[in-house]
Amino acid sequence: MKTAARWMAIGLLVCSSLAMALDLGSAKTQGLVGEQPDGYLGVVKSTPDAVALAADINAKRREAYDAIAKKNGATIDQVAALAGQKAIDKAAPGTYVKANGQWVKK
């Protein structure tokens, strides 16, 4: 019986840590991250989860921007800037975007 309870506790611990994993939508609504004009996600309030999420998302974005740039004969910076403007335009009300170097709520 003690073994079953131990496994149950381990299972609950694993499930709770998975549930606490931060996703992009939650991070934006919590004001932890926001969209920037350069096409990358910025950290508004620095937490380990927000920093890790931004790094992961930005690495994926950079790969996508690189592929699009190569396909269209553009630079990564050009593609990223266009994507950044679109992301800011589409950002939900109440989320953060960077404007003139400052974080502002949209």
PDB file of N, CA and C in Angstrom:
ATOM      1  N   MET A   1       0.818  -1.197   0.000  1.00  0.00           N
ATOM      2  CA  MET A   1       0.000   0.000   0.000  1.00  0.00           C
ATOM      3  C   MET A   1       0.863   1.263   0.000  1.00  0.00           C
ATOM      4  N   LYS A   2       1.948   1.240   0.745  1.00  0.00           N
ATOM      5  CA  LYS A   2       2.820   2.401   0.781  1.00  0.00           C
ATOM      6  C   LYS A   2       3.427   2.673  -0.590  1.00  0.00           C
ATOM      7  N   THR A   3       3.735   1.613  -1.331  1.00  0.00           N
ATOM      8  CA  THR A   3       4.309   1.769  -2.668  1.00  0.00           C
ATOM      9  C   THR A   3       3.309   2.433  -3.600  1.00  0.00           C
ATOM     10  N   ALA A   4       2.053   2.043  -3.533  1.00  0.00           N
ATOM     11  CA  ALA A   4       1.020   2.636  -4.378  1.00  0.00           C
ATOM     12  C   ALA A   4       0.856   4.120  -4.059  1.00  0.00           C
ATOM     13  N   ALA A   5       0.871   4.458  -2.789  1.00  0.00           N
ATOM     14  CA  ALA A   5       0.741   5.860  -2.385  1.00  0.00           C
ATOM     15  C   ALA A   5       1.938   6.673  -2.859  1.00  0.00           C
ATOM     16  N   ARG A   6       3.116   6.078  -2.787  1.00  0.00           N
ATOM     17  CA  ARG A   6       4.323   6.764  -3.246  1.00  0.00           C
ATOM     18  C   ARG A   6       4.235   7.049  -4.745  1.00  0.00           C
ATOM     19  N   TRP A   7       3.818   6.031  -5.526  1.00  0.00           N
ATOM     20  CA  TRP A   7       3.692   6.216  -6.976  1.00  0.00           C
ATOM     21  C   TRP A   7       2.618   7.244  -7.313  1.00  0.00           C
ATOM     22  N   MET A   8       1.572   7.256  -6.525  1.00  0.00           N
ATOM     23  CA  MET A   8       0.504   8.221  -6.735  1.00  0.00           C
ATOM     24  C   MET A   8       1.023   9.637  -6.484  1.00  0.00           C
ATOM     25  N   ALA A   9       1.812   9.806  -5.431  1.00  0.00           N
ATOM     26  CA  ALA A   9       2.396  11.116  -5.121  1.00  0.00           C
ATOM     27  C   ALA A   9       3.339  11.568  -6.223  1.00  0.00           C
ATOM     28  N   ILE A  10       4.141  10.641  -6.732  1.00  0.00           N
ATOM     29  CA  ILE A  10       5.060  10.972  -7.829  1.00  0.00           C
ATOM     30  C   ILE A  10       4.269  11.385  -9.059  1.00  0.00           C
ATOM     31  N   GLY A  11       3.200  10.651  -9.358  1.00  0.00           N
ATOM     32  CA  GLY A  11       2.352  10.986 -10.500  1.00  0.00           C
ATOM     33  C   GLY A  11       1.737  12.367 -10.371  1.00  0.00           C
ATOM     34  N   LEU A  12       1.260  12.706  -9.176  1.00  0.00           N
ATOM     35  CA  LEU A  12       0.680  14.027  -8.943  1.00  0.00           C
ATOM     36  C   LEU A  12       1.728  15.120  -9.091  1.00  0.00           C
ATOM     37  N   LEU A  13       2.931  14.850  -8.607  1.00  0.00           N
ATOM     38  CA  LEU A  13       4.010  15.821  -8.733  1.00  0.00           C
ATOM     39  C   LEU A  13       4.336  16.086 -10.194  1.00  0.00           C
ATOM     40  N   VAL A  14       4.444  15.042 -10.984  1.00  0.00           N
ATOM     41  CA  VAL A  14       4.742  15.176 -12.410  1.00  0.00           C
ATOM     42  C   VAL A  14       3.620  15.942 -13.105  1.00  0.00           C
ATOM     43  N   CYS A  15       2.395  15.573 -12.831  1.00  0.00           N
ATOM     44  CA  CYS A  15       1.257  16.247 -13.464  1.00  0.00           C
ATOM     45  C   CYS A  15       1.191  17.717 -13.075  1.00  0.00           C
ATOM     46  N   SER A  16       1.447  18.033 -11.809  1.00  0.00           N
ATOM     47  CA  SER A  16       1.380  19.430 -11.396  1.00  0.00           C
ATOM     48  C   SER A  16       2.493  20.244 -12.011  1.00  0.00           C
ATOM     49  N   SER A  17       3.677  19.668 -12.189  1.00  0.00           N
ATOM     50  CA  SER A  17       4.758  20.420 -12.810  1.00  0.00           C
ATOM     51  C   SER A  17       4.486  20.628 -14.296  1.00  0.00           C
ATOM     52  N   LEU A  18       3.836  19.664 -14.934  1.00  0.00           N
ATOM     53  CA  LEU A  18       3.456  19.842 -16.331  1.00  0.00           C
ATOM     54  C   LEU A  18       2.384  20.911 -16.463  1.00  0.00           C
ATOM     55  N   ALA A  19       1.469  20.955 -15.540  1.00  0.00           N
ATOM     56  CA  ALA A  19       0.400  21.948 -15.586  1.00  0.00           C
ATOM     57  C   ALA A  19       0.944  23.346 -15.356  1.00  0.00           C
ATOM     58  N   MET A  20       2.030  23.450 -14.604  1.00  0.00           N
ATOM     59  CA  MET A  20       2.616  24.759 -14.330  1.00  0.00           C
ATOM     60  C   MET A  20       3.495  25.257 -15.462  1.00  0.00           C
ATOM     61  N   ALA A  21       3.804  24.415 -16.424  1.00  0.00           N
ATOM     62  CA  ALA A  21       4.633  24.845 -17.539  1.00  0.00           C
ATOM     63  C   ALA A  21       3.945  26.008 -18.230  1.00  0.00           C
ATOM     64  N   LEU A  22       4.718  27.021 -18.552  1.00  0.00           N
ATOM     65  CA  LEU A  22       4.195  28.255 -19.109  1.00  0.00           C
ATOM     66  C   LEU A  22       4.027  28.138 -20.612  1.00  0.00           C
ATOM     67  N   ASP A  23       2.854  28.522 -21.109  1.00  0.00           N
ATOM     68  CA  ASP A  23       2.656  28.571 -22.555  1.00  0.00           C
ATOM     69  C   ASP A  23       2.596  30.035 -22.982  1.00  0.00           C
ATOM     70  N   LEU A  24       2.725  30.271 -24.274  1.00  0.00           N
ATOM     71  CA  LEU A  24       2.818  31.639 -24.796  1.00  0.00           C
ATOM     72  C   LEU A  24       1.587  32.467 -24.448  1.00  0.00           C
ATOM     73  N   GLY A  25       0.415  31.910 -24.641  1.00  0.00           N
ATOM     74  CA  GLY A  25      -0.804  32.667 -24.346  1.00  0.00           C
ATOM     75  C   GLY A  25      -0.895  33.080 -22.894  1.00  0.00           C
ATOM     76  N   SER A  26      -0.596  32.161 -22.008  1.00  0.00           N
ATOM     77  CA  SER A  26      -0.623  32.466 -20.573  1.00  0.00           C
ATOM     78  C   SER A  26       0.425  33.506 -20.210  1.00  0.00           C
ATOM     79  N   ALA A  27       1.600  33.362 -20.777  1.00  0.00           N
ATOM     80  CA  ALA A  27       2.678  34.299 -20.478  1.00  0.00           C
ATOM     81  C   ALA A  27       2.316  35.716 -20.926  1.00  0.00           C
ATOM     82  N   LYS A  28       1.647  35.813 -22.069  1.00  0.00           N
ATOM     83  CA  LYS A  28       1.230  37.138 -22.550  1.00  0.00           C
ATOM     84  C   LYS A  28       0.140  37.721 -21.659  1.00  0.00           C
ATOM     85  N   THR A  29      -0.865  36.927 -21.316  1.00  0.00           N
ATOM     86  CA  THR A  29      -1.956  37.453 -20.495  1.00  0.00           C
ATOM     87  C   THR A  29      -1.501  37.777 -19.075  1.00  0.00           C
ATOM     88  N   GLN A  30      -0.459  37.099 -18.603  1.00  0.00           N
ATOM     89  CA  GLN A  30       0.089  37.397 -17.274  1.00  0.00           C
ATOM     90  C   GLN A  30       1.045  38.585 -17.302  1.00  0.00           C
ATOM     91  N   GLY A  31       1.308  39.114 -18.489  1.00  0.00           N
ATOM     92  CA  GLY A  31       2.203  40.266 -18.602  1.00  0.00           C
ATOM     93  C   GLY A  31       3.669  39.920 -18.433  1.00  0.00           C
ATOM     94  N   LEU A  32       4.025  38.660 -18.678  1.00  0.00           N
ATOM     95  CA  LEU A  32       5.417  38.241 -18.524  1.00  0.00           C
ATOM     96  C   LEU A  32       6.235  38.486 -19.793  1.00  0.00           C
ATOM     97  N   VAL A  33       5.599  38.341 -20.950  1.00  0.00           N
ATOM     98  CA  VAL A  33       6.285  38.531 -22.234  1.00  0.00           C
ATOM     99  C   VAL A  33       5.417  39.386 -23.140  1.00  0.00           C
ATOM    100  N   GLY A  34       6.056  39.973 -24.156  1.00  0.00           N
ATOM    101  CA  GLY A  34       5.322  40.789 -25.109  1.00  0.00           C
ATOM    102  C   GLY A  34       6.014  40.796 -26.455  1.00  0.00           C
ATOM    103  N   GLU A  35       5.300  41.301 -27.442  1.00  0.00           N
ATOM    104  CA  GLU A  35       5.824  41.368 -28.805  1.00  0.00           C
ATOM    105  C   GLU A  35       6.669  42.624 -28.988  1.00  0.00           C
ATOM    106  N   GLN A  36       7.710  42.479 -29.792  1.00  0.00           N
ATOM    107  CA  GLN A  36       8.625  43.578 -30.066  1.00  0.00           C
ATOM    108  C   GLN A  36       8.662  43.869 -31.567  1.00  0.00           C
ATOM    109  N   PRO A  37       9.015  45.097 -31.947  1.00  0.00           N
ATOM    110  CA  PRO A  37       9.087  45.445 -33.370  1.00  0.00           C
ATOM    111  C   PRO A  37      10.121  44.642 -34.157  1.00  0.00           C
ATOM    112  N   ASP A  38      11.096  44.065 -33.469  1.00  0.00           N
ATOM    113  CA  ASP A  38      12.135  43.310 -34.176  1.00  0.00           C
ATOM    114  C   ASP A  38      11.700  41.888 -34.517  1.00  0.00           C
ATOM    115  N   GLY A  39      10.435  41.539 -34.182  1.00  0.00           N
ATOM    116  CA  GLY A  39       9.912  40.227 -34.525  1.00  0.00           C
ATOM    117  C   GLY A  39      10.142  39.153 -33.486  1.00  0.00           C
ATOM    118  N   TYR A  40      10.747  39.526 -32.393  1.00  0.00           N
ATOM    119  CA  TYR A  40      11.044  38.548 -31.357  1.00  0.00           C
ATOM    120  C   TYR A  40      10.251  38.866 -30.098  1.00  0.00           C
ATOM    121  N   LEU A  41      10.071  37.838 -29.302  1.00  0.00           N
ATOM    122  CA  LEU A  41       9.364  37.954 -28.044  1.00  0.00           C
ATOM    123  C   LEU A  41      10.304  38.560 -27.014  1.00  0.00           C
ATOM    124  N   GLY A  42       9.811  39.506 -26.252  1.00  0.00           N
ATOM    125  CA  GLY A  42      10.615  40.122 -25.199  1.00  0.00           C
ATOM    126  C   GLY A  42      10.084  39.754 -23.838  1.00  0.00           C
ATOM    127  N   VAL A  43      10.949  39.778 -22.855  1.00  0.00           N
ATOM    128  CA  VAL A  43      10.563  39.478 -21.473  1.00  0.00           C
ATOM    129  C   VAL A  43      10.212  40.790 -20.787  1.00  0.00           C
ATOM    130  N   VAL A  44       8.967  40.887 -20.333  1.00  0.00           N
ATOM    131  CA  VAL A  44       8.486  42.084 -19.644  1.00  0.00           C
ATOM    132  C   VAL A  44       8.814  41.984 -18.160  1.00  0.00           C
ATOM    133  N   LYS A  45       8.463  40.851 -17.561  1.00  0.00           N
ATOM    134  CA  LYS A  45       8.754  40.579 -16.147  1.00  0.00           C
ATOM    135  C   LYS A  45       9.595  39.309 -16.107  1.00  0.00           C
ATOM    136  N   SER A  46      10.806  39.450 -15.666  1.00  0.00           N
ATOM    137  CA  SER A  46      11.758  38.346 -15.722  1.00  0.00           C
ATOM    138  C   SER A  46      11.491  37.292 -14.657  1.00  0.00           C
ATOM    139  N   THR A  47      11.093  36.127 -15.134  1.00  0.00           N
ATOM    140  CA  THR A  47      11.003  34.931 -14.301  1.00  0.00           C
ATOM    141  C   THR A  47      11.748  33.845 -15.071  1.00  0.00           C
ATOM    142  N   PRO A  48      12.227  32.819 -14.397  1.00  0.00           N
ATOM    143  CA  PRO A  48      12.922  31.754 -15.121  1.00  0.00           C
ATOM    144  C   PRO A  48      12.076  31.145 -16.240  1.00  0.00           C
ATOM    145  N   ASP A  49      10.777  30.948 -15.971  1.00  0.00           N
ATOM    146  CA  ASP A  49       9.902  30.371 -16.993  1.00  0.00           C
ATOM    147  C   ASP A  49       9.719  31.309 -18.179  1.00  0.00           C
ATOM    148  N   ALA A  50       9.562  32.597 -17.910  1.00  0.00           N
ATOM    149  CA  ALA A  50       9.371  33.572 -18.989  1.00  0.00           C
ATOM    150  C   ALA A  50      10.627  33.679 -19.848  1.00  0.00           C
ATOM    151  N   VAL A  51      11.779  33.691 -19.220  1.00  0.00           N
ATOM    152  CA  VAL A  51      13.047  33.773 -19.957  1.00  0.00           C
ATOM    153  C   VAL A  51      13.235  32.533 -20.820  1.00  0.00           C
ATOM    154  N   ALA A  52      12.961  31.360 -20.259  1.00  0.00           N
ATOM    155  CA  ALA A  52      13.108  30.116 -21.018  1.00  0.00           C
ATOM    156  C   ALA A  52      12.119  30.054 -22.174  1.00  0.00           C
ATOM    157  N   LEU A  53      10.885  30.468 -21.924  1.00  0.00           N
ATOM    158  CA  LEU A  53       9.875  30.465 -22.979  1.00  0.00           C
ATOM    159  C   LEU A  53      10.272  31.409 -24.105  1.00  0.00           C
ATOM    160  N   ALA A  54      10.689  32.614 -23.771  1.00  0.00           N
ATOM    161  CA  ALA A  54      11.094  33.584 -24.793  1.00  0.00           C
ATOM    162  C   ALA A  54      12.270  33.056 -25.606  1.00  0.00           C
ATOM    163  N   ALA A  55      13.234  32.455 -24.958  1.00  0.00           N
ATOM    164  CA  ALA A  55      14.394  31.906 -25.675  1.00  0.00           C
ATOM    165  C   ALA A  55      13.968  30.809 -26.639  1.00  0.00           C
ATOM    166  N   ASP A  56      13.073  29.945 -26.193  1.00  0.00           N
ATOM    167  CA  ASP A  56      12.597  28.849 -27.040  1.00  0.00           C
ATOM    168  C   ASP A  56      11.802  29.389 -28.234  1.00  0.00           C
ATOM    169  N   ILE A  57      10.862  30.271 -27.969  1.00  0.00           N
ATOM    170  CA  ILE A  57      10.042  30.853 -29.042  1.00  0.00           C
ATOM    171  C   ILE A  57      10.926  31.618 -30.023  1.00  0.00           C
ATOM    172  N   ASN A  58      11.862  32.402 -29.514  1.00  0.00           N
ATOM    173  CA  ASN A  58      12.719  33.208 -30.385  1.00  0.00           C
ATOM    174  C   ASN A  58      13.628  32.356 -31.259  1.00  0.00           C
ATOM    175  N   ALA A  59      14.102  31.234 -30.745  1.00  0.00           N
ATOM    176  CA  ALA A  59      14.919  30.336 -31.567  1.00  0.00           C
ATOM    177  C   ALA A  59      14.088  29.775 -32.722  1.00  0.00           C
ATOM    178  N   LYS A  60      12.857  29.410 -32.431  1.00  0.00           N
ATOM    179  CA  LYS A  60      11.965  28.892 -33.473  1.00  0.00           C
ATOM    180  C   LYS A  60      11.609  29.977 -34.483  1.00  0.00           C
ATOM    181  N   ARG A  61      11.374  31.185 -33.991  1.00  0.00           N
ATOM    182  CA  ARG A  61      11.071  32.290 -34.900  1.00  0.00           C
ATOM    183  C   ARG A  61      12.264  32.575 -35.816  1.00  0.00           C
ATOM    184  N   ARG A  62      13.450  32.580 -35.254  1.00  0.00           N
ATOM    185  CA  ARG A  62      14.640  32.859 -36.060  1.00  0.00           C
ATOM    186  C   ARG A  62      14.787  31.828 -37.184  1.00  0.00           C
ATOM    187  N   GLU A  63      14.543  30.569 -36.879  1.00  0.00           N
ATOM    188  CA  GLU A  63      14.602  29.525 -37.914  1.00  0.00           C
ATOM    189  C   GLU A  63      13.579  29.800 -39.010  1.00  0.00           C
ATOM    190  N   ALA A  64      12.364  30.154 -38.601  1.00  0.00           N
ATOM    191  CA  ALA A  64      11.311  30.434 -39.578  1.00  0.00           C
ATOM    192  C   ALA A  64      11.653  31.667 -40.409  1.00  0.00           C
ATOM    193  N   TYR A  65      12.141  32.717 -39.762  1.00  0.00           N
ATOM    194  CA  TYR A  65      12.514  33.937 -40.489  1.00  0.00           C
ATOM    195  C   TYR A  65      13.632  33.656 -41.485  1.00  0.00           C
ATOM    196  N   ASP A  66      14.590  32.837 -41.080  1.00  0.00           N
ATOM    197  CA  ASP A  66      15.704  32.487 -41.952  1.00  0.00           C
ATOM    198  C   ASP A  66      15.199  31.767 -43.199  1.00  0.00           C
ATOM    199  N   ALA A  67      14.301  30.808 -43.008  1.00  0.00           N
ATOM    200  CA  ALA A  67      13.758  30.055 -44.148  1.00  0.00           C
ATOM    201  C   ALA A  67      12.980  30.973 -45.084  1.00  0.00           C
ATOM    202  N   ILE A  68      12.168  31.858 -44.524  1.00  0.00           N
ATOM    203  CA  ILE A  68      11.386  32.787 -45.340  1.00  0.00           C
ATOM    204  C   ILE A  68      12.305  33.750 -46.084  1.00  0.00           C
ATOM    205  N   ALA A  69      13.330  34.236 -45.389  1.00  0.00           N
ATOM    206  CA  ALA A  69      14.274  35.174 -46.011  1.00  0.00           C
ATOM    207  C   ALA A  69      14.985  34.527 -47.196  1.00  0.00           C
ATOM    208  N   LYS A  70      15.456  33.312 -47.011  1.00  0.00           N
ATOM    209  CA  LYS A  70      16.154  32.605 -48.093  1.00  0.00           C
ATOM    210  C   LYS A  70      15.229  32.362 -49.280  1.00  0.00           C
ATOM    211  N   LYS A  71      13.995  32.013 -48.984  1.00  0.00           N
ATOM    212  CA  LYS A  71      13.024  31.719 -50.039  1.00  0.00           C
ATOM    213  C   LYS A  71      12.681  32.967 -50.857  1.00  0.00           C
ATOM    214  N   ASN A  72      12.700  34.127 -50.195  1.00  0.00           N
ATOM    215  CA  ASN A  72      12.248  35.360 -50.840  1.00  0.00           C
ATOM    216  C   ASN A  72      13.362  36.352 -51.176  1.00  0.00           C
ATOM    217  N   GLY A  73      14.601  35.954 -50.973  1.00  0.00           N
ATOM    218  CA  GLY A  73      15.711  36.848 -51.277  1.00  0.00           C
ATOM    219  C   GLY A  73      15.759  38.082 -50.396  1.00  0.00           C
ATOM    220  N   ALA A  74      15.360  37.923 -49.153  1.00  0.00           N
ATOM    221  CA  ALA A  74      15.376  39.030 -48.194  1.00  0.00           C
ATOM    222  C   ALA A  74      16.358  38.707 -47.073  1.00  0.00           C
ATOM    223  N   THR A  75      16.552  39.651 -46.183  1.00  0.00           N
ATOM    224  CA  THR A  75      17.390  39.394 -45.016  1.00  0.00           C
ATOM    225  C   THR A  75      16.507  38.927 -43.863  1.00  0.00           C
ATOM    226  N   ILE A  76      17.127  38.269 -42.901  1.00  0.00           N
ATOM    227  CA  ILE A  76      16.390  37.840 -41.705  1.00  0.00           C
ATOM    228  C   ILE A  76      15.808  39.062 -41.002  1.00  0.00           C
ATOM    229  N   ASP A  77      16.574  40.134 -40.926  1.00  0.00           N
ATOM    230  CA  ASP A  77      16.101  41.344 -40.244  1.00  0.00           C
ATOM    231  C   ASP A  77      14.869  41.934 -40.921  1.00  0.00           C
ATOM    232  N   GLN A  78      14.832  41.897 -42.247  1.00  0.00           N
ATOM    233  CA  GLN A  78      13.661  42.409 -42.959  1.00  0.00           C
ATOM    234  C   GLN A  78      12.421  41.573 -42.648  1.00  0.00           C
ATOM    235  N   VAL A  79      12.595  40.267 -42.701  1.00  0.00           N
ATOM    236  CA  VAL A  79      11.479  39.359 -42.417  1.00  0.00           C
ATOM    237  C   VAL A  79      11.036  39.518 -40.966  1.00  0.00           C
ATOM    238  N   ALA A  80      11.989  39.573 -40.047  1.00  0.00           N
ATOM    239  CA  ALA A  80      11.673  39.701 -38.625  1.00  0.00           C
ATOM    240  C   ALA A  80      10.926  41.003 -38.343  1.00  0.00           C
ATOM    241  N   ALA A  81      11.351  42.096 -38.953  1.00  0.00           N
ATOM    242  CA  ALA A  81      10.696  43.391 -38.734  1.00  0.00           C
ATOM    243  C   ALA A  81       9.249  43.363 -39.235  1.00  0.00           C
ATOM    244  N   LEU A  82       9.034  42.756 -40.384  1.00  0.00           N
ATOM    245  CA  LEU A  82       7.673  42.636 -40.913  1.00  0.00           C
ATOM    246  C   LEU A  82       6.820  41.772 -39.981  1.00  0.00           C
ATOM    247  N   ALA A  83       7.381  40.664 -39.527  1.00  0.00           N
ATOM    248  CA  ALA A  83       6.666  39.782 -38.601  1.00  0.00           C
ATOM    249  C   ALA A  83       6.384  40.492 -37.281  1.00  0.00           C
ATOM    250  N   GLY A  84       7.337  41.286 -36.820  1.00  0.00           N
ATOM    251  CA  GLY A  84       7.162  42.028 -35.572  1.00  0.00           C
ATOM    252  C   GLY A  84       6.012  43.007 -35.647  1.00  0.00           C
ATOM    253  N   GLN A  85       5.933  43.732 -36.765  1.00  0.00           N
ATOM    254  CA  GLN A  85       4.838  44.689 -36.929  1.00  0.00           C
ATOM    255  C   GLN A  85       3.496  43.979 -36.982  1.00  0.00           C
ATOM    256  N   LYS A  86       3.454  42.852 -37.685  1.00  0.00           N
ATOM    257  CA  LYS A  86       2.203  42.080 -37.755  1.00  0.00           C
ATOM    258  C   LYS A  86       1.811  41.546 -36.379  1.00  0.00           C
ATOM    259  N   ALA A  87       2.793  41.062 -35.616  1.00  0.00           N
ATOM    260  CA  ALA A  87       2.505  40.529 -34.280  1.00  0.00           C
ATOM    261  C   ALA A  87       1.991  41.622 -33.353  1.00  0.00           C
ATOM    262  N   ILE A  88       2.578  42.806 -33.450  1.00  0.00           N
ATOM    263  CA  ILE A  88       2.119  43.929 -32.624  1.00  0.00           C
ATOM    264  C   ILE A  88       0.708  44.339 -33.023  1.00  0.00           C
ATOM    265  N   ASP A  89       0.450  44.389 -34.329  1.00  0.00           N
ATOM    266  CA  ASP A  89      -0.891  44.746 -34.808  1.00  0.00           C
ATOM    267  C   ASP A  89      -1.945  43.747 -34.331  1.00  0.00           C
ATOM    268  N   LYS A  90      -1.577  42.474 -34.275  1.00  0.00           N
ATOM    269  CA  LYS A  90      -2.520  41.415 -33.886  1.00  0.00           C
ATOM    270  C   LYS A  90      -2.558  41.160 -32.383  1.00  0.00           C
ATOM    271  N   ALA A  91      -1.692  41.802 -31.615  1.00  0.00           N
ATOM    272  CA  ALA A  91      -1.638  41.551 -30.172  1.00  0.00           C
ATOM    273  C   ALA A  91      -2.982  41.868 -29.523  1.00  0.00           C
ATOM    274  N   ALA A  92      -3.381  41.028 -28.624  1.00  0.00           N
ATOM    275  CA  ALA A  92      -4.662  41.190 -27.937  1.00  0.00           C
ATOM    276  C   ALA A  92      -4.632  42.382 -26.987  1.00  0.00           C
ATOM    277  N   PRO A  93      -5.772  43.035 -26.831  1.00  0.00           N
ATOM    278  CA  PRO A  93      -5.843  44.122 -25.849  1.00  0.00           C
ATOM    279  C   PRO A  93      -5.431  43.623 -24.465  1.00  0.00           C
ATOM    280  N   GLY A  94      -4.686  44.449 -23.759  1.00  0.00           N
ATOM    281  CA  GLY A  94      -4.238  44.089 -22.419  1.00  0.00           C
ATOM    282  C   GLY A  94      -2.893  43.395 -22.377  1.00  0.00           C
ATOM    283  N   THR A  95      -2.368  43.007 -23.553  1.00  0.00           N
ATOM    284  CA  THR A  95      -1.047  42.391 -23.590  1.00  0.00           C
ATOM    285  C   THR A  95      -0.008  43.477 -23.853  1.00  0.00           C
ATOM    286  N   TYR A  96       1.242  43.141 -23.588  1.00  0.00           N
ATOM    287  CA  TYR A  96       2.315  44.119 -23.749  1.00  0.00           C
ATOM    288  C   TYR A  96       2.948  44.053 -25.131  1.00  0.00           C
ATOM    289  N   VAL A  97       3.261  45.244 -25.630  1.00  0.00           N
ATOM    290  CA  VAL A  97       4.034  45.398 -26.862  1.00  0.00           C
ATOM    291  C   VAL A  97       5.085  46.464 -26.594  1.00  0.00           C
ATOM    292  N   LYS A  98       6.161  46.404 -27.346  1.00  0.00           N
ATOM    293  CA  LYS A  98       7.211  47.395 -27.159  1.00  0.00           C
ATOM    294  C   LYS A  98       7.033  48.490 -28.203  1.00  0.00           C
ATOM    295  N   ALA A  99       6.940  49.721 -27.724  1.00  0.00           N
ATOM    296  CA  ALA A  99       6.798  50.885 -28.588  1.00  0.00           C
ATOM    297  C   ALA A  99       7.768  51.958 -28.115  1.00  0.00           C
ATOM    298  N   ASN A 100       8.570  52.455 -29.033  1.00  0.00           N
ATOM    299  CA  ASN A 100       9.580  53.467 -28.700  1.00  0.00           C
ATOM    300  C   ASN A 100      10.478  53.030 -27.548  1.00  0.00           C
ATOM    301  N   GLY A 101      10.795  51.746 -27.549  1.00  0.00           N
ATOM    302  CA  GLY A 101      11.715  51.206 -26.547  1.00  0.00           C
ATOM    303  C   GLY A 101      11.108  50.937 -25.178  1.00  0.00           C
ATOM    304  N   GLN A 102       9.799  51.137 -25.038  1.00  0.00           N
ATOM    305  CA  GLN A 102       9.146  50.959 -23.753  1.00  0.00           C
ATOM    306  C   GLN A 102       8.024  49.925 -23.871  1.00  0.00           C
ATOM    307  N   TRP A 103       7.817  49.164 -22.803  1.00  0.00           N
ATOM    308  CA  TRP A 103       6.697  48.227 -22.772  1.00  0.00           C
ATOM    309  C   TRP A 103       5.428  49.002 -22.464  1.00  0.00           C
ATOM    310  N   VAL A 104       4.408  48.793 -23.299  1.00  0.00           N
ATOM    311  CA  VAL A 104       3.117  49.428 -23.081  1.00  0.00           C
ATOM    312  C   VAL A 104       2.025  48.371 -23.250  1.00  0.00           C
ATOM    313  N   LYS A 105       0.937  48.548 -22.502  1.00  0.00           N
ATOM    314  CA  LYS A 105      -0.210  47.661 -22.665  1.00  0.00           C
ATOM    315  C   LYS A 105      -0.990  48.122 -23.882  1.00  0.00           C
ATOM    316  N   LYS A 106      -1.358  47.162 -24.687  1.00  0.00           N
ATOM    317  CA  LYS A 106      -2.122  47.481 -25.890  1.00  0.00           C
ATOM    318  C   LYS A 106      -3.576  47.676 -25.521  1.00  0.00           C
TER     319      LYS A 106
END
